[in-house]
Amino acid sequence: MNIETFREWCLTFPECEETLPFDECTLCFKTAGKIFAIIDLNNPESVNLKAEPEQAIEWRETYSDAVFPGYHMNKTHWNTLYFDRSVPDSLVKTMLIHSWKQVVAGMTKKKREALLQQWSEQ
């Protein structure tokens, strides 16, 4: 997995934007203003992704050399995924979609339904 491919995947989500809200090297991908992926541009070999707590633990156990509790994040809800380790690209994409859906699930019903509809039409 390379960061450009990951970036392209992120930008396919409805209302996705790239921002640098914390500093010039912490790239965040947001949908409707909510962060679903964070990458340190000085060290782009990993990404922080949101996950449902039980799923986060399962991924950490299954891919113990590549998935860890979220670095500088709430460790219950965020994982840090290292791209260059044993995780296939298909799982990276699954984890990205899961992260996006976790963020969207916390939005108002109207906004959630609109975003999910836009995403299903792609």
C-alpha atoms as a PDB file:
ATOM      1  CA  MET A   1       0.000   0.000   0.000  1.00  0.00           C
ATOM      2  CA  ASN A   2       1.273   3.448  -0.796  1.00  0.00           C
ATOM      3  CA  ILE A   3       0.015   6.742   0.542  1.00  0.00           C
ATOM      4  CA  GLU A   4      -1.158   7.983  -2.872  1.00  0.00           C
ATOM      5  CA  THR A   5      -3.441   4.984  -3.373  1.00  0.00           C
ATOM      6  CA  PHE A   6      -4.747   5.392   0.168  1.00  0.00           C
ATOM      7  CA  ARG A   7      -5.373   9.103  -0.475  1.00  0.00           C
ATOM      8  CA  GLU A   8      -7.285   8.318  -3.674  1.00  0.00           C
ATOM      9  CA  TRP A   9      -9.488   5.864  -1.763  1.00  0.00           C
ATOM     10  CA  CYS A  10     -10.209   8.465   0.918  1.00  0.00           C
ATOM     11  CA  LEU A  11     -11.221  11.074  -1.618  1.00  0.00           C
ATOM     12  CA  THR A  12     -13.925   8.794  -3.043  1.00  0.00           C
ATOM     13  CA  PHE A  13     -16.100   9.234   0.055  1.00  0.00           C
ATOM     14  CA  PRO A  14     -18.914  11.806  -0.109  1.00  0.00           C
ATOM     15  CA  GLU A  15     -18.020  15.271   1.151  1.00  0.00           C
ATOM     16  CA  CYS A  16     -14.423  14.177   1.783  1.00  0.00           C
ATOM     17  CA  GLU A  17     -11.828  16.846   2.292  1.00  0.00           C
ATOM     18  CA  GLU A  18      -8.135  16.860   3.148  1.00  0.00           C
ATOM     19  CA  THR A  19      -7.155  19.189   5.959  1.00  0.00           C
ATOM     20  CA  LEU A  20      -4.181  20.022   8.145  1.00  0.00           C
ATOM     21  CA  PRO A  21      -6.059  21.133  11.293  1.00  0.00           C
ATOM     22  CA  PHE A  22      -3.318  20.419  13.840  1.00  0.00           C
ATOM     23  CA  ASP A  23      -0.066  21.330  12.074  1.00  0.00           C
ATOM     24  CA  GLU A  24       1.539  21.236   8.629  1.00  0.00           C
ATOM     25  CA  CYS A  25       2.395  17.526   8.793  1.00  0.00           C
ATOM     26  CA  THR A  26      -0.752  15.878  10.216  1.00  0.00           C
ATOM     27  CA  LEU A  27      -3.039  15.169   7.276  1.00  0.00           C
ATOM     28  CA  CYS A  28      -6.659  14.454   8.156  1.00  0.00           C
ATOM     29  CA  PHE A  29      -9.376  13.134   5.912  1.00  0.00           C
ATOM     30  CA  LYS A  30     -12.831  14.300   6.922  1.00  0.00           C
ATOM     31  CA  THR A  31     -16.335  13.667   5.730  1.00  0.00           C
ATOM     32  CA  ALA A  32     -18.923  16.291   6.606  1.00  0.00           C
ATOM     33  CA  GLY A  33     -16.328  17.841   8.916  1.00  0.00           C
ATOM     34  CA  LYS A  34     -15.591  14.672  10.919  1.00  0.00           C
ATOM     35  CA  ILE A  35     -12.180  12.952  10.838  1.00  0.00           C
ATOM     36  CA  PHE A  36     -12.047   9.333   9.675  1.00  0.00           C
ATOM     37  CA  ALA A  37      -8.316   8.965   8.818  1.00  0.00           C
ATOM     38  CA  ILE A  38      -5.118  10.655  10.037  1.00  0.00           C
ATOM     39  CA  ILE A  39      -1.637  10.373   8.531  1.00  0.00           C
ATOM     40  CA  ASP A  40       1.634  11.909   9.712  1.00  0.00           C
ATOM     41  CA  LEU A  41       3.211  13.261   6.519  1.00  0.00           C
ATOM     42  CA  ASN A  42       6.665  13.101   8.118  1.00  0.00           C
ATOM     43  CA  ASN A  43       6.140   9.360   8.679  1.00  0.00           C
ATOM     44  CA  PRO A  44       3.537   8.218   6.122  1.00  0.00           C
ATOM     45  CA  GLU A  45       3.933   4.484   6.719  1.00  0.00           C
ATOM     46  CA  SER A  46       0.930   4.374   9.075  1.00  0.00           C
ATOM     47  CA  VAL A  47      -2.590   5.715   9.411  1.00  0.00           C
ATOM     48  CA  ASN A  48      -5.007   6.119  12.325  1.00  0.00           C
ATOM     49  CA  LEU A  49      -8.487   4.753  11.588  1.00  0.00           C
ATOM     50  CA  LYS A  50     -11.616   4.661  13.709  1.00  0.00           C
ATOM     51  CA  ALA A  51     -13.146   1.284  14.581  1.00  0.00           C
ATOM     52  CA  GLU A  52     -15.976  -0.168  16.576  1.00  0.00           C
ATOM     53  CA  PRO A  53     -14.301  -1.313  19.848  1.00  0.00           C
ATOM     54  CA  GLU A  54     -14.771  -5.080  19.396  1.00  0.00           C
ATOM     55  CA  GLN A  55     -13.644  -4.891  15.774  1.00  0.00           C
ATOM     56  CA  ALA A  56     -10.603  -2.813  16.774  1.00  0.00           C
ATOM     57  CA  ILE A  57      -9.522  -5.532  19.204  1.00  0.00           C
ATOM     58  CA  GLU A  58     -10.096  -8.287  16.646  1.00  0.00           C
ATOM     59  CA  TRP A  59      -7.900  -6.543  14.069  1.00  0.00           C
ATOM     60  CA  ARG A  60      -5.186  -5.947  16.687  1.00  0.00           C
ATOM     61  CA  GLU A  61      -5.189  -9.633  17.623  1.00  0.00           C
ATOM     62  CA  THR A  62      -5.325 -10.937  14.052  1.00  0.00           C
ATOM     63  CA  TYR A  63      -2.682  -8.553  12.685  1.00  0.00           C
ATOM     64  CA  SER A  64      -0.591  -8.033  15.819  1.00  0.00           C
ATOM     65  CA  ASP A  65       2.476  -6.948  13.848  1.00  0.00           C
ATOM     66  CA  ALA A  66       0.600  -4.259  11.888  1.00  0.00           C
ATOM     67  CA  VAL A  67      -2.392  -2.983  13.890  1.00  0.00           C
ATOM     68  CA  PHE A  68      -1.998  -1.298  17.268  1.00  0.00           C
ATOM     69  CA  PRO A  69      -4.077   0.875  19.604  1.00  0.00           C
ATOM     70  CA  GLY A  70      -4.346   4.338  18.063  1.00  0.00           C
ATOM     71  CA  TYR A  71      -1.233   6.435  18.547  1.00  0.00           C
ATOM     72  CA  HIS A  72      -2.202   9.680  20.341  1.00  0.00           C
ATOM     73  CA  MET A  73      -5.876   8.668  20.016  1.00  0.00           C
ATOM     74  CA  ASN A  74      -8.628   7.117  22.118  1.00  0.00           C
ATOM     75  CA  LYS A  75      -7.373   3.542  22.127  1.00  0.00           C
ATOM     76  CA  THR A  76     -10.856   2.099  22.466  1.00  0.00           C
ATOM     77  CA  HIS A  77     -12.046   3.604  19.190  1.00  0.00           C
ATOM     78  CA  TRP A  78      -8.918   4.119  17.077  1.00  0.00           C
ATOM     79  CA  ASN A  79      -6.253   1.835  15.600  1.00  0.00           C
ATOM     80  CA  THR A  80      -2.914   2.658  14.058  1.00  0.00           C
ATOM     81  CA  LEU A  81      -2.329   0.564  10.941  1.00  0.00           C
ATOM     82  CA  TYR A  82       1.157   0.170   9.448  1.00  0.00           C
ATOM     83  CA  PHE A  83       0.926  -0.123   5.671  1.00  0.00           C
ATOM     84  CA  ASP A  84       4.180  -2.002   5.058  1.00  0.00           C
ATOM     85  CA  ARG A  85       3.433  -4.965   7.278  1.00  0.00           C
ATOM     86  CA  SER A  86       1.298  -8.093   6.816  1.00  0.00           C
ATOM     87  CA  VAL A  87      -2.031  -6.413   6.026  1.00  0.00           C
ATOM     88  CA  PRO A  88      -3.283  -6.934   2.460  1.00  0.00           C
ATOM     89  CA  ASP A  89      -4.586  -3.911   0.544  1.00  0.00           C
ATOM     90  CA  SER A  90      -8.084  -5.385   0.584  1.00  0.00           C
ATOM     91  CA  LEU A  91      -8.094  -5.285   4.393  1.00  0.00           C
ATOM     92  CA  VAL A  92      -6.714  -1.738   4.424  1.00  0.00           C
ATOM     93  CA  LYS A  93      -9.668  -0.741   2.258  1.00  0.00           C
ATOM     94  CA  THR A  94     -12.092  -2.646   4.509  1.00  0.00           C
ATOM     95  CA  MET A  95     -10.675  -0.870   7.569  1.00  0.00           C
ATOM     96  CA  LEU A  96     -10.936   2.506   5.803  1.00  0.00           C
ATOM     97  CA  ILE A  97     -14.580   1.928   4.861  1.00  0.00           C
ATOM     98  CA  HIS A  98     -15.288   0.770   8.426  1.00  0.00           C
ATOM     99  CA  SER A  99     -13.684   3.953   9.798  1.00  0.00           C
ATOM    100  CA  TRP A 100     -15.745   6.153   7.491  1.00  0.00           C
ATOM    101  CA  LYS A 101     -18.956   4.326   8.428  1.00  0.00           C
ATOM    102  CA  GLN A 102     -18.149   4.667  12.152  1.00  0.00           C
ATOM    103  CA  VAL A 103     -17.858   8.433  11.744  1.00  0.00           C
ATOM    104  CA  VAL A 104     -21.013   8.661   9.637  1.00  0.00           C
ATOM    105  CA  ALA A 105     -22.940   6.553  12.200  1.00  0.00           C
ATOM    106  CA  GLY A 106     -22.462   9.332  14.755  1.00  0.00           C
ATOM    107  CA  MET A 107     -24.114  11.978  12.569  1.00  0.00           C
ATOM    108  CA  THR A 108     -27.736  13.038  12.545  1.00  0.00           C
ATOM    109  CA  LYS A 109     -30.109  10.615  10.862  1.00  0.00           C
ATOM    110  CA  LYS A 110     -30.716  13.018   7.977  1.00  0.00           C
ATOM    111  CA  LYS A 111     -26.998  13.589   7.346  1.00  0.00           C
ATOM    112  CA  ARG A 112     -26.134   9.906   7.806  1.00  0.00           C
ATOM    113  CA  GLU A 113     -28.784   8.786   5.320  1.00  0.00           C
ATOM    114  CA  ALA A 114     -27.713  11.410   2.773  1.00  0.00           C
ATOM    115  CA  LEU A 115     -24.030  10.404   2.968  1.00  0.00           C
ATOM    116  CA  LEU A 116     -24.775   6.672   2.802  1.00  0.00           C
ATOM    117  CA  GLN A 117     -27.042   7.284  -0.201  1.00  0.00           C
ATOM    118  CA  GLN A 118     -24.316   9.278  -1.987  1.00  0.00           C
ATOM    119  CA  TRP A 119     -21.768   6.574  -1.224  1.00  0.00           C
ATOM    120  CA  SER A 120     -24.019   3.744  -2.482  1.00  0.00           C
ATOM    121  CA  GLU A 121     -24.553   5.602  -5.766  1.00  0.00           C
ATOM    122  CA  GLN A 122     -20.827   5.624  -6.575  1.00  0.00           C
END
